[in-house]
């Protein structure tokens, strides 16, 4: 009984003793979380500062769409619209950037979801950037599935428009993702536009066709599968390894004299396969693995145009005299502005 009475009489005292300790513990936890948030913010800020990257400023007026998912969502409301800074007819060429850049989408891609990051980034660096919806109906969300030669002729028409706009001595730079890289090669070689092209840059380009991780090879063994693929997605059929398009591009040298070529690939590509088939094994071609620039970059095929390492390699290809090393601290972050 005496013990129980003692406990009851001192219960409040012990509670009061625990209360300050509890307050101190909560305060320490709050401070720890604050320091952690501040540390993460400082780390990201320092990474961006080291690479010369920033968010939109007076000099970087075009808003970047930083992820592929955000690009798709932005394209849903208006599939025909280009990203910010693309197709600016008031853009003037400069001594630093004397050639318009033409961006060419990959299969199923619209302008905004394919180029929501790279388009504004190039425009913010002073490039005149253009693109075209590769479809007969730009209001469709799913685009760039028509026969590849049809898309190539649309790109050719855009090149003609730009030469008319900027002058007969003007050349263009072609930057293509996936099928867009093969289209760039087709325009330059098969449509005989090498004299009008300064640079070709491919990202995961289906240069030698794709097995799509073996699916295309399997489809070739199934009666009727090839015809079904061609009917549903002619551009897909045009990118198989035995297609007429792939054969004509690879008949003899792929490259043309006077044109600079950079082909960028990722070792984690499961769509343009084998991944090394994106490269052109000819003299003078710059074949670049993303992982040679940043070994821990695990970017896949679809996210190449939103990948900061890839964006740096594209900027370097377009302006070799101002080339910079990729900042591997950005490899896992959403796309950010980078200076050329």
C-alpha atoms as a PDB file:
ATOM      1  CA  UNK A   1       0.000   0.000   0.000  1.00  0.00           C
ATOM      2  CA  UNK A   2       2.813   2.361   0.858  1.00  0.00           C
ATOM      3  CA  UNK A   3       4.436   1.652  -2.527  1.00  0.00           C
ATOM      4  CA  UNK A   4       1.175   2.360  -4.373  1.00  0.00           C
ATOM      5  CA  UNK A   5       0.711   5.601  -2.484  1.00  0.00           C
ATOM      6  CA  UNK A   6       4.266   6.618  -3.293  1.00  0.00           C
ATOM      7  CA  UNK A   7       3.757   5.932  -6.970  1.00  0.00           C
ATOM      8  CA  UNK A   8       0.480   7.883  -7.064  1.00  0.00           C
ATOM      9  CA  UNK A   9       2.013  10.854  -5.277  1.00  0.00           C
ATOM     10  CA  UNK A  10       5.011  11.002  -7.591  1.00  0.00           C
ATOM     11  CA  UNK A  11       3.264  10.198 -10.911  1.00  0.00           C
ATOM     12  CA  UNK A  12       2.736  13.873 -11.763  1.00  0.00           C
ATOM     13  CA  UNK A  13       6.324  14.705 -10.874  1.00  0.00           C
ATOM     14  CA  UNK A  14       7.628  12.016 -13.243  1.00  0.00           C
ATOM     15  CA  UNK A  15       5.279  13.205 -15.976  1.00  0.00           C
ATOM     16  CA  UNK A  16       6.652  16.730 -15.606  1.00  0.00           C
ATOM     17  CA  UNK A  17      10.178  15.362 -15.768  1.00  0.00           C
ATOM     18  CA  UNK A  18       9.434  13.464 -18.986  1.00  0.00           C
ATOM     19  CA  UNK A  19       7.704  16.444 -20.626  1.00  0.00           C
ATOM     20  CA  UNK A  20      10.809  18.623 -21.116  1.00  0.00           C
ATOM     21  CA  UNK A  21      12.688  15.617 -22.452  1.00  0.00           C
ATOM     22  CA  UNK A  22       9.881  14.964 -24.919  1.00  0.00           C
ATOM     23  CA  UNK A  23       9.932  18.604 -26.021  1.00  0.00           C
ATOM     24  CA  UNK A  24      13.699  18.461 -26.532  1.00  0.00           C
ATOM     25  CA  UNK A  25      13.392  15.224 -28.497  1.00  0.00           C
ATOM     26  CA  UNK A  26      10.699  16.698 -30.787  1.00  0.00           C
ATOM     27  CA  UNK A  27      12.750  19.859 -31.248  1.00  0.00           C
ATOM     28  CA  UNK A  28      15.836  17.831 -32.188  1.00  0.00           C
ATOM     29  CA  UNK A  29      13.826  15.785 -34.697  1.00  0.00           C
ATOM     30  CA  UNK A  30      12.429  18.952 -36.258  1.00  0.00           C
ATOM     31  CA  UNK A  31      15.897  20.484 -36.491  1.00  0.00           C
ATOM     32  CA  UNK A  32      17.300  17.287 -38.007  1.00  0.00           C
ATOM     33  CA  UNK A  33      14.624  17.265 -40.691  1.00  0.00           C
ATOM     34  CA  UNK A  34      15.254  20.943 -41.413  1.00  0.00           C
ATOM     35  CA  UNK A  35      18.999  20.352 -41.737  1.00  0.00           C
ATOM     36  CA  UNK A  36      18.334  17.366 -44.033  1.00  0.00           C
ATOM     37  CA  UNK A  37      16.069  19.426 -46.300  1.00  0.00           C
ATOM     38  CA  UNK A  38      18.584  22.256 -46.360  1.00  0.00           C
ATOM     39  CA  UNK A  39      21.395  19.826 -47.171  1.00  0.00           C
ATOM     40  CA  UNK A  40      19.490  18.279 -50.064  1.00  0.00           C
ATOM     41  CA  UNK A  41      18.604  21.734 -51.415  1.00  0.00           C
ATOM     42  CA  UNK A  42      22.230  22.856 -51.099  1.00  0.00           C
ATOM     43  CA  UNK A  43      23.437  19.715 -52.885  1.00  0.00           C
ATOM     44  CA  UNK A  44      21.064  20.214 -55.815  1.00  0.00           C
ATOM     45  CA  UNK A  45      21.925  23.921 -56.000  1.00  0.00           C
ATOM     46  CA  UNK A  46      25.655  23.188 -56.030  1.00  0.00           C
ATOM     47  CA  UNK A  47      25.242  20.527 -58.733  1.00  0.00           C
ATOM     48  CA  UNK A  48      23.318  22.959 -60.910  1.00  0.00           C
ATOM     49  CA  UNK A  49      25.843  25.722 -60.283  1.00  0.00           C
ATOM     50  CA  UNK A  50      28.769  23.496 -61.235  1.00  0.00           C
ATOM     51  CA  UNK A  51      27.173  22.687 -64.587  1.00  0.00           C
ATOM     52  CA  UNK A  52      26.066  26.191 -65.472  1.00  0.00           C
ATOM     53  CA  UNK A  53      22.430  25.087 -65.329  1.00  0.00           C
ATOM     54  CA  UNK A  54      19.513  27.161 -64.137  1.00  0.00           C
ATOM     55  CA  UNK A  55      15.791  27.482 -64.276  1.00  0.00           C
ATOM     56  CA  UNK A  56      14.175  29.955 -66.671  1.00  0.00           C
ATOM     57  CA  UNK A  57      15.524  33.501 -66.399  1.00  0.00           C
ATOM     58  CA  UNK A  58      15.442  36.587 -68.586  1.00  0.00           C
ATOM     59  CA  UNK A  59      18.011  34.862 -70.829  1.00  0.00           C
ATOM     60  CA  UNK A  60      16.201  31.506 -70.633  1.00  0.00           C
ATOM     61  CA  UNK A  61      12.665  32.623 -71.319  1.00  0.00           C
ATOM     62  CA  UNK A  62      11.232  29.388 -72.687  1.00  0.00           C
ATOM     63  CA  UNK A  63       9.791  27.008 -70.133  1.00  0.00           C
ATOM     64  CA  UNK A  64      11.284  23.506 -70.093  1.00  0.00           C
ATOM     65  CA  UNK A  65       9.111  20.420 -69.706  1.00  0.00           C
ATOM     66  CA  UNK A  66      11.424  18.424 -67.468  1.00  0.00           C
ATOM     67  CA  UNK A  67      10.181  14.821 -67.823  1.00  0.00           C
ATOM     68  CA  UNK A  68       8.795  12.573 -70.524  1.00  0.00           C
ATOM     69  CA  UNK A  69       5.619  11.952 -68.513  1.00  0.00           C
ATOM     70  CA  UNK A  70       5.009  15.688 -68.194  1.00  0.00           C
ATOM     71  CA  UNK A  71       5.600  16.021 -71.940  1.00  0.00           C
ATOM     72  CA  UNK A  72       2.947  13.429 -72.735  1.00  0.00           C
ATOM     73  CA  UNK A  73       0.459  15.123 -70.415  1.00  0.00           C
ATOM     74  CA  UNK A  74       1.209  18.508 -72.023  1.00  0.00           C
ATOM     75  CA  UNK A  75       0.645  17.055 -75.504  1.00  0.00           C
ATOM     76  CA  UNK A  76      -2.771  15.611 -74.639  1.00  0.00           C
ATOM     77  CA  UNK A  77      -4.542  18.978 -74.670  1.00  0.00           C
ATOM     78  CA  UNK A  78      -3.067  20.057 -78.010  1.00  0.00           C
ATOM     79  CA  UNK A  79      -1.108  17.345 -79.863  1.00  0.00           C
ATOM     80  CA  UNK A  80      -0.382  19.662 -82.794  1.00  0.00           C
ATOM     81  CA  UNK A  81       1.401  22.286 -80.693  1.00  0.00           C
ATOM     82  CA  UNK A  82       5.194  22.530 -80.603  1.00  0.00           C
ATOM     83  CA  UNK A  83       7.064  23.022 -77.316  1.00  0.00           C
ATOM     84  CA  UNK A  84       8.004  26.510 -76.135  1.00  0.00           C
ATOM     85  CA  UNK A  85      10.652  28.132 -78.331  1.00  0.00           C
ATOM     86  CA  UNK A  86      10.111  25.761 -81.278  1.00  0.00           C
ATOM     87  CA  UNK A  87       8.812  27.066 -84.638  1.00  0.00           C
ATOM     88  CA  UNK A  88       9.486  30.688 -83.716  1.00  0.00           C
ATOM     89  CA  UNK A  89       9.306  32.354 -87.124  1.00  0.00           C
ATOM     90  CA  UNK A  90      10.843  35.543 -85.709  1.00  0.00           C
ATOM     91  CA  UNK A  91      14.059  33.730 -84.766  1.00  0.00           C
ATOM     92  CA  UNK A  92      17.186  35.112 -86.437  1.00  0.00           C
ATOM     93  CA  UNK A  93      20.320  33.125 -87.175  1.00  0.00           C
ATOM     94  CA  UNK A  94      23.548  34.362 -85.584  1.00  0.00           C
ATOM     95  CA  UNK A  95      27.261  33.876 -86.096  1.00  0.00           C
ATOM     96  CA  UNK A  96      27.278  31.596 -83.058  1.00  0.00           C
ATOM     97  CA  UNK A  97      24.342  29.534 -84.363  1.00  0.00           C
ATOM     98  CA  UNK A  98      24.217  29.941 -88.151  1.00  0.00           C
ATOM     99  CA  UNK A  99      22.095  26.860 -88.909  1.00  0.00           C
ATOM    100  CA  UNK A 100      18.469  26.142 -87.970  1.00  0.00           C
ATOM    101  CA  UNK A 101      17.985  22.966 -85.939  1.00  0.00           C
ATOM    102  CA  UNK A 102      15.261  20.569 -87.109  1.00  0.00           C
ATOM    103  CA  UNK A 103      13.972  18.170 -84.432  1.00  0.00           C
ATOM    104  CA  UNK A 104      12.552  14.864 -85.731  1.00  0.00           C
ATOM    105  CA  UNK A 105      10.303  12.764 -83.492  1.00  0.00           C
ATOM    106  CA  UNK A 106      10.420   9.068 -82.796  1.00  0.00           C
ATOM    107  CA  UNK A 107       7.636   6.544 -83.356  1.00  0.00           C
ATOM    108  CA  UNK A 108       4.333   7.502 -81.658  1.00  0.00           C
ATOM    109  CA  UNK A 109       5.833  10.889 -80.760  1.00  0.00           C
ATOM    110  CA  UNK A 110       4.323  14.357 -81.111  1.00  0.00           C
ATOM    111  CA  UNK A 111       6.455  17.488 -81.062  1.00  0.00           C
ATOM    112  CA  UNK A 112       5.637  18.490 -77.508  1.00  0.00           C
ATOM    113  CA  UNK A 113       6.084  15.123 -75.814  1.00  0.00           C
ATOM    114  CA  UNK A 114       9.275  14.308 -77.713  1.00  0.00           C
ATOM    115  CA  UNK A 115      10.947  17.720 -77.512  1.00  0.00           C
ATOM    116  CA  UNK A 116       9.485  19.345 -74.400  1.00  0.00           C
ATOM    117  CA  UNK A 117      12.944  19.618 -72.852  1.00  0.00           C
ATOM    118  CA  UNK A 118      15.464  19.797 -75.696  1.00  0.00           C
ATOM    119  CA  UNK A 119      13.437  22.256 -77.802  1.00  0.00           C
ATOM    120  CA  UNK A 120      13.319  25.038 -75.166  1.00  0.00           C
ATOM    121  CA  UNK A 121      16.879  24.292 -74.033  1.00  0.00           C
ATOM    122  CA  UNK A 122      18.193  24.844 -77.564  1.00  0.00           C
ATOM    123  CA  UNK A 123      16.040  27.950 -78.045  1.00  0.00           C
ATOM    124  CA  UNK A 124      17.252  29.379 -74.739  1.00  0.00           C
ATOM    125  CA  UNK A 125      20.806  28.937 -76.024  1.00  0.00           C
ATOM    126  CA  UNK A 126      20.034  31.056 -79.084  1.00  0.00           C
ATOM    127  CA  UNK A 127      19.306  28.340 -81.638  1.00  0.00           C
ATOM    128  CA  UNK A 128      16.483  28.700 -84.143  1.00  0.00           C
ATOM    129  CA  UNK A 129      14.585  25.462 -83.586  1.00  0.00           C
ATOM    130  CA  UNK A 130      11.922  23.942 -85.809  1.00  0.00           C
ATOM    131  CA  UNK A 131       9.896  20.770 -86.081  1.00  0.00           C
ATOM    132  CA  UNK A 132       6.829  19.383 -87.865  1.00  0.00           C
ATOM    133  CA  UNK A 133       4.049  16.999 -86.860  1.00  0.00           C
ATOM    134  CA  UNK A 134       4.771  13.770 -88.727  1.00  0.00           C
ATOM    135  CA  UNK A 135       1.201  12.757 -89.439  1.00  0.00           C
ATOM    136  CA  UNK A 136      -1.652  13.520 -91.795  1.00  0.00           C
ATOM    137  CA  UNK A 137      -3.747  14.599 -88.791  1.00  0.00           C
ATOM    138  CA  UNK A 138      -1.807  16.687 -86.239  1.00  0.00           C
ATOM    139  CA  UNK A 139      -4.753  16.584 -83.828  1.00  0.00           C
ATOM    140  CA  UNK A 140      -4.054  12.900 -83.170  1.00  0.00           C
ATOM    141  CA  UNK A 141      -2.085  12.250 -79.996  1.00  0.00           C
ATOM    142  CA  UNK A 142      -0.386   9.220 -81.547  1.00  0.00           C
ATOM    143  CA  UNK A 143       1.838  10.437 -84.380  1.00  0.00           C
ATOM    144  CA  UNK A 144       4.881   9.396 -86.432  1.00  0.00           C
ATOM    145  CA  UNK A 145       3.425   5.993 -87.338  1.00  0.00           C
ATOM    146  CA  UNK A 146       2.902   6.686 -91.056  1.00  0.00           C
ATOM    147  CA  UNK A 147       5.356   5.185 -93.585  1.00  0.00           C
ATOM    148  CA  UNK A 148       8.843   6.494 -92.879  1.00  0.00           C
ATOM    149  CA  UNK A 149       9.387   7.864 -96.406  1.00  0.00           C
ATOM    150  CA  UNK A 150       6.224   9.962 -95.955  1.00  0.00           C
ATOM    151  CA  UNK A 151       7.629  11.473 -92.770  1.00  0.00           C
ATOM    152  CA  UNK A 152      10.994  11.995 -94.449  1.00  0.00           C
ATOM    153  CA  UNK A 153       9.340  13.996 -97.203  1.00  0.00           C
ATOM    154  CA  UNK A 154       7.611  16.165 -94.593  1.00  0.00           C
ATOM    155  CA  UNK A 155      11.004  16.876 -93.034  1.00  0.00           C
ATOM    156  CA  UNK A 156      12.416  17.586 -96.484  1.00  0.00           C
ATOM    157  CA  UNK A 157       9.603  20.105 -97.081  1.00  0.00           C
ATOM    158  CA  UNK A 158      10.410  21.821 -93.772  1.00  0.00           C
ATOM    159  CA  UNK A 159      14.082  22.038 -94.753  1.00  0.00           C
ATOM    160  CA  UNK A 160      13.060  23.658 -98.043  1.00  0.00           C
ATOM    161  CA  UNK A 161      10.925  26.185 -96.154  1.00  0.00           C
ATOM    162  CA  UNK A 162      13.830  27.081 -93.882  1.00  0.00           C
ATOM    163  CA  UNK A 163      16.223  27.533 -96.787  1.00  0.00           C
ATOM    164  CA  UNK A 164      13.674  29.791 -98.477  1.00  0.00           C
ATOM    165  CA  UNK A 165      13.310  31.729 -95.225  1.00  0.00           C
ATOM    166  CA  UNK A 166      16.991  32.093 -94.330  1.00  0.00           C
ATOM    167  CA  UNK A 167      18.651  32.082 -97.729  1.00  0.00           C
ATOM    168  CA  UNK A 168      19.926  29.629-100.368  1.00  0.00           C
ATOM    169  CA  UNK A 169      23.310  29.151 -98.660  1.00  0.00           C
ATOM    170  CA  UNK A 170      21.671  28.009 -95.440  1.00  0.00           C
ATOM    171  CA  UNK A 171      22.247  24.515 -94.120  1.00  0.00           C
ATOM    172  CA  UNK A 172      20.250  22.824 -91.354  1.00  0.00           C
ATOM    173  CA  UNK A 173      21.172  20.518 -88.481  1.00  0.00           C
ATOM    174  CA  UNK A 174      18.974  17.437 -88.089  1.00  0.00           C
ATOM    175  CA  UNK A 175      18.433  16.003 -84.594  1.00  0.00           C
ATOM    176  CA  UNK A 176      16.355  12.843 -84.379  1.00  0.00           C
ATOM    177  CA  UNK A 177      15.222  10.461 -81.657  1.00  0.00           C
ATOM    178  CA  UNK A 178      14.677   6.771 -82.448  1.00  0.00           C
ATOM    179  CA  UNK A 179      12.859   6.660 -85.818  1.00  0.00           C
ATOM    180  CA  UNK A 180      13.697  10.366 -86.102  1.00  0.00           C
ATOM    181  CA  UNK A 181      17.384   9.488 -86.318  1.00  0.00           C
ATOM    182  CA  UNK A 182      16.709   7.071 -89.165  1.00  0.00           C
ATOM    183  CA  UNK A 183      14.577   9.725 -90.886  1.00  0.00           C
ATOM    184  CA  UNK A 184      17.494  12.172 -90.628  1.00  0.00           C
ATOM    185  CA  UNK A 185      19.773   9.624 -92.297  1.00  0.00           C
ATOM    186  CA  UNK A 186      17.129   8.920 -94.961  1.00  0.00           C
ATOM    187  CA  UNK A 187      16.677  12.616 -95.774  1.00  0.00           C
ATOM    188  CA  UNK A 188      20.426  13.205 -95.957  1.00  0.00           C
ATOM    189  CA  UNK A 189      21.315  10.159 -98.053  1.00  0.00           C
ATOM    190  CA  UNK A 190      18.283   8.753 -99.853  1.00  0.00           C
ATOM    191  CA  UNK A 191      16.591  12.088-100.588  1.00  0.00           C
ATOM    192  CA  UNK A 192      20.006  13.486-101.523  1.00  0.00           C
ATOM    193  CA  UNK A 193      19.908  16.459 -99.153  1.00  0.00           C
ATOM    194  CA  UNK A 194      23.487  16.185 -97.871  1.00  0.00           C
ATOM    195  CA  UNK A 195      24.392  19.523 -99.446  1.00  0.00           C
ATOM    196  CA  UNK A 196      21.719  21.154 -97.274  1.00  0.00           C
ATOM    197  CA  UNK A 197      22.670  19.444 -93.991  1.00  0.00           C
ATOM    198  CA  UNK A 198      25.480  20.459 -91.665  1.00  0.00           C
ATOM    199  CA  UNK A 199      25.093  17.995 -88.792  1.00  0.00           C
ATOM    200  CA  UNK A 200      23.085  14.842 -88.094  1.00  0.00           C
ATOM    201  CA  UNK A 201      22.564  13.824 -84.468  1.00  0.00           C
ATOM    202  CA  UNK A 202      20.778  10.597 -83.567  1.00  0.00           C
ATOM    203  CA  UNK A 203      19.577   9.482 -80.126  1.00  0.00           C
ATOM    204  CA  UNK A 204      18.792   5.781 -79.980  1.00  0.00           C
ATOM    205  CA  UNK A 205      18.387   5.924 -83.752  1.00  0.00           C
ATOM    206  CA  UNK A 206      17.194   2.768 -85.495  1.00  0.00           C
ATOM    207  CA  UNK A 207      20.090   3.117 -87.917  1.00  0.00           C
ATOM    208  CA  UNK A 208      20.348  -0.543 -88.872  1.00  0.00           C
ATOM    209  CA  UNK A 209      16.803  -1.439 -87.924  1.00  0.00           C
ATOM    210  CA  UNK A 210      15.624  -2.916 -84.639  1.00  0.00           C
ATOM    211  CA  UNK A 211      14.668  -6.346 -83.382  1.00  0.00           C
ATOM    212  CA  UNK A 212      12.702  -4.639 -80.526  1.00  0.00           C
ATOM    213  CA  UNK A 213      14.371  -7.016 -78.058  1.00  0.00           C
ATOM    214  CA  UNK A 214      13.608  -9.945 -80.351  1.00  0.00           C
ATOM    215  CA  UNK A 215       9.917  -9.209 -80.909  1.00  0.00           C
ATOM    216  CA  UNK A 216      10.384  -8.212 -84.542  1.00  0.00           C
ATOM    217  CA  UNK A 217      12.425 -11.344 -85.161  1.00  0.00           C
ATOM    218  CA  UNK A 218       9.681 -13.434 -83.567  1.00  0.00           C
ATOM    219  CA  UNK A 219       6.982 -11.675 -85.609  1.00  0.00           C
ATOM    220  CA  UNK A 220       8.813 -12.585 -88.812  1.00  0.00           C
ATOM    221  CA  UNK A 221       8.347 -16.259 -87.919  1.00  0.00           C
ATOM    222  CA  UNK A 222       4.591 -15.947 -87.378  1.00  0.00           C
ATOM    223  CA  UNK A 223       2.467 -16.076 -90.554  1.00  0.00           C
ATOM    224  CA  UNK A 224       0.591 -12.803 -91.048  1.00  0.00           C
ATOM    225  CA  UNK A 225       2.312 -10.990 -88.157  1.00  0.00           C
ATOM    226  CA  UNK A 226       4.399  -8.835 -90.456  1.00  0.00           C
ATOM    227  CA  UNK A 227       1.367  -7.749 -92.448  1.00  0.00           C
ATOM    228  CA  UNK A 228      -0.513  -6.919 -89.240  1.00  0.00           C
ATOM    229  CA  UNK A 229       2.411  -4.821 -88.001  1.00  0.00           C
ATOM    230  CA  UNK A 230       2.621  -2.953 -91.306  1.00  0.00           C
ATOM    231  CA  UNK A 231      -1.093  -2.197 -91.296  1.00  0.00           C
ATOM    232  CA  UNK A 232      -1.189  -1.002 -87.682  1.00  0.00           C
ATOM    233  CA  UNK A 233       2.107   0.907 -87.726  1.00  0.00           C
ATOM    234  CA  UNK A 234       3.808   1.277 -91.114  1.00  0.00           C
ATOM    235  CA  UNK A 235       6.690   3.162 -89.499  1.00  0.00           C
ATOM    236  CA  UNK A 236       7.296   0.228 -87.152  1.00  0.00           C
ATOM    237  CA  UNK A 237       7.549  -2.149 -90.102  1.00  0.00           C
ATOM    238  CA  UNK A 238       9.925   0.299 -91.832  1.00  0.00           C
ATOM    239  CA  UNK A 239      12.317  -0.005 -88.882  1.00  0.00           C
ATOM    240  CA  UNK A 240      12.696  -3.774 -88.827  1.00  0.00           C
ATOM    241  CA  UNK A 241      16.126  -5.033 -89.807  1.00  0.00           C
ATOM    242  CA  UNK A 242      15.012  -6.422 -93.181  1.00  0.00           C
ATOM    243  CA  UNK A 243      12.800  -3.506 -94.266  1.00  0.00           C
ATOM    244  CA  UNK A 244      13.265  -1.754 -97.588  1.00  0.00           C
ATOM    245  CA  UNK A 245      13.938   1.536 -95.778  1.00  0.00           C
ATOM    246  CA  UNK A 246      16.722   0.093 -93.624  1.00  0.00           C
ATOM    247  CA  UNK A 247      18.247  -1.677 -96.607  1.00  0.00           C
ATOM    248  CA  UNK A 248      18.359   1.457 -98.764  1.00  0.00           C
ATOM    249  CA  UNK A 249      19.896   3.557 -95.976  1.00  0.00           C
ATOM    250  CA  UNK A 250      22.547   0.902 -95.369  1.00  0.00           C
ATOM    251  CA  UNK A 251      23.259   0.138 -99.022  1.00  0.00           C
ATOM    252  CA  UNK A 252      26.843   1.355 -99.223  1.00  0.00           C
ATOM    253  CA  UNK A 253      28.116   4.068 -96.862  1.00  0.00           C
ATOM    254  CA  UNK A 254      25.440   5.521 -94.578  1.00  0.00           C
ATOM    255  CA  UNK A 255      27.233   8.841 -94.260  1.00  0.00           C
ATOM    256  CA  UNK A 256      27.707  11.537 -96.873  1.00  0.00           C
ATOM    257  CA  UNK A 257      30.775  13.737 -97.340  1.00  0.00           C
ATOM    258  CA  UNK A 258      30.600  17.197 -95.770  1.00  0.00           C
ATOM    259  CA  UNK A 259      28.104  16.199 -93.064  1.00  0.00           C
ATOM    260  CA  UNK A 260      29.058  15.754 -89.391  1.00  0.00           C
ATOM    261  CA  UNK A 261      27.486  12.729 -87.677  1.00  0.00           C
ATOM    262  CA  UNK A 262      27.033  12.018 -83.962  1.00  0.00           C
ATOM    263  CA  UNK A 263      25.105   8.917 -82.883  1.00  0.00           C
ATOM    264  CA  UNK A 264      24.191   8.635 -79.196  1.00  0.00           C
ATOM    265  CA  UNK A 265      23.107   5.365 -77.607  1.00  0.00           C
ATOM    266  CA  UNK A 266      22.314   3.952 -74.188  1.00  0.00           C
ATOM    267  CA  UNK A 267      23.318   0.488 -73.098  1.00  0.00           C
ATOM    268  CA  UNK A 268      19.901   0.147 -71.449  1.00  0.00           C
ATOM    269  CA  UNK A 269      17.938   0.502 -74.688  1.00  0.00           C
ATOM    270  CA  UNK A 270      15.281  -2.206 -75.032  1.00  0.00           C
ATOM    271  CA  UNK A 271      13.517  -0.782 -78.100  1.00  0.00           C
ATOM    272  CA  UNK A 272      16.284   0.092 -80.546  1.00  0.00           C
ATOM    273  CA  UNK A 273      18.051  -3.245 -80.316  1.00  0.00           C
ATOM    274  CA  UNK A 274      20.696  -4.362 -80.280  1.00  0.00           C
ATOM    275  CA  UNK A 275      21.633  -1.068 -78.667  1.00  0.00           C
ATOM    276  CA  UNK A 276      24.954  -0.879 -80.523  1.00  0.00           C
ATOM    277  CA  UNK A 277      23.075  -0.990 -83.854  1.00  0.00           C
ATOM    278  CA  UNK A 278      22.367   2.722 -83.444  1.00  0.00           C
ATOM    279  CA  UNK A 279      26.004   3.451 -84.259  1.00  0.00           C
ATOM    280  CA  UNK A 280      27.528   4.011 -87.696  1.00  0.00           C
ATOM    281  CA  UNK A 281      30.888   2.287 -87.988  1.00  0.00           C
ATOM    282  CA  UNK A 282      32.343   4.589 -90.594  1.00  0.00           C
ATOM    283  CA  UNK A 283      35.252   7.012 -90.550  1.00  0.00           C
ATOM    284  CA  UNK A 284      34.547  10.380 -88.967  1.00  0.00           C
ATOM    285  CA  UNK A 285      31.370   9.366 -87.116  1.00  0.00           C
ATOM    286  CA  UNK A 286      31.187  10.223 -83.418  1.00  0.00           C
ATOM    287  CA  UNK A 287      29.541   7.227 -81.733  1.00  0.00           C
ATOM    288  CA  UNK A 288      28.775   8.028 -78.083  1.00  0.00           C
ATOM    289  CA  UNK A 289      27.471   5.809 -75.300  1.00  0.00           C
ATOM    290  CA  UNK A 290      25.676   7.831 -72.637  1.00  0.00           C
ATOM    291  CA  UNK A 291      27.414   5.586 -70.105  1.00  0.00           C
ATOM    292  CA  UNK A 292      30.868   6.573 -71.413  1.00  0.00           C
ATOM    293  CA  UNK A 293      30.040  10.112 -70.317  1.00  0.00           C
ATOM    294  CA  UNK A 294      28.337   9.097 -67.045  1.00  0.00           C
ATOM    295  CA  UNK A 295      28.805   5.468 -66.072  1.00  0.00           C
ATOM    296  CA  UNK A 296      25.920   5.329 -63.589  1.00  0.00           C
ATOM    297  CA  UNK A 297      23.355   6.859 -65.971  1.00  0.00           C
ATOM    298  CA  UNK A 298      20.665   4.199 -66.505  1.00  0.00           C
ATOM    299  CA  UNK A 299      18.556   6.130 -69.028  1.00  0.00           C
ATOM    300  CA  UNK A 300      16.357   4.003 -71.288  1.00  0.00           C
ATOM    301  CA  UNK A 301      15.270   4.554 -74.898  1.00  0.00           C
ATOM    302  CA  UNK A 302      12.168   6.665 -74.349  1.00  0.00           C
ATOM    303  CA  UNK A 303      13.729   9.117 -71.907  1.00  0.00           C
ATOM    304  CA  UNK A 304      16.824   9.957 -73.962  1.00  0.00           C
ATOM    305  CA  UNK A 305      15.535  13.412 -75.066  1.00  0.00           C
ATOM    306  CA  UNK A 306      14.870  14.304 -71.400  1.00  0.00           C
ATOM    307  CA  UNK A 307      18.150  12.944 -70.065  1.00  0.00           C
ATOM    308  CA  UNK A 308      20.661  15.584 -68.965  1.00  0.00           C
ATOM    309  CA  UNK A 309      23.693  13.558 -70.091  1.00  0.00           C
ATOM    310  CA  UNK A 310      22.183  13.042 -73.540  1.00  0.00           C
ATOM    311  CA  UNK A 311      21.243  16.718 -73.781  1.00  0.00           C
ATOM    312  CA  UNK A 312      24.867  17.657 -73.046  1.00  0.00           C
ATOM    313  CA  UNK A 313      26.076  15.297 -75.802  1.00  0.00           C
ATOM    314  CA  UNK A 314      23.601  16.866 -78.261  1.00  0.00           C
ATOM    315  CA  UNK A 315      24.748  20.386 -77.358  1.00  0.00           C
ATOM    316  CA  UNK A 316      28.368  19.295 -77.855  1.00  0.00           C
ATOM    317  CA  UNK A 317      27.558  17.762 -81.248  1.00  0.00           C
ATOM    318  CA  UNK A 318      25.870  20.955 -82.442  1.00  0.00           C
ATOM    319  CA  UNK A 319      28.690  23.180 -81.176  1.00  0.00           C
ATOM    320  CA  UNK A 320      31.950  21.207 -80.858  1.00  0.00           C
ATOM    321  CA  UNK A 321      33.968  24.368 -80.212  1.00  0.00           C
ATOM    322  CA  UNK A 322      32.098  24.961 -76.942  1.00  0.00           C
ATOM    323  CA  UNK A 323      31.839  21.306 -75.874  1.00  0.00           C
ATOM    324  CA  UNK A 324      31.743  20.590 -72.143  1.00  0.00           C
ATOM    325  CA  UNK A 325      31.957  17.449 -70.047  1.00  0.00           C
ATOM    326  CA  UNK A 326      28.627  16.078 -68.875  1.00  0.00           C
ATOM    327  CA  UNK A 327      27.802  16.831 -65.253  1.00  0.00           C
ATOM    328  CA  UNK A 328      27.040  13.353 -63.956  1.00  0.00           C
ATOM    329  CA  UNK A 329      25.402  14.822 -60.858  1.00  0.00           C
ATOM    330  CA  UNK A 330      22.488  15.684 -63.149  1.00  0.00           C
ATOM    331  CA  UNK A 331      22.107  12.204 -64.605  1.00  0.00           C
ATOM    332  CA  UNK A 332      19.252  11.205 -62.288  1.00  0.00           C
ATOM    333  CA  UNK A 333      17.531  14.599 -62.183  1.00  0.00           C
ATOM    334  CA  UNK A 334      14.734  15.918 -64.442  1.00  0.00           C
ATOM    335  CA  UNK A 335      15.899  17.914 -67.450  1.00  0.00           C
ATOM    336  CA  UNK A 336      17.342  21.345 -66.680  1.00  0.00           C
ATOM    337  CA  UNK A 337      18.688  24.210 -68.751  1.00  0.00           C
ATOM    338  CA  UNK A 338      22.264  23.691 -69.905  1.00  0.00           C
ATOM    339  CA  UNK A 339      24.458  26.183 -71.699  1.00  0.00           C
ATOM    340  CA  UNK A 340      25.951  25.321 -75.075  1.00  0.00           C
END
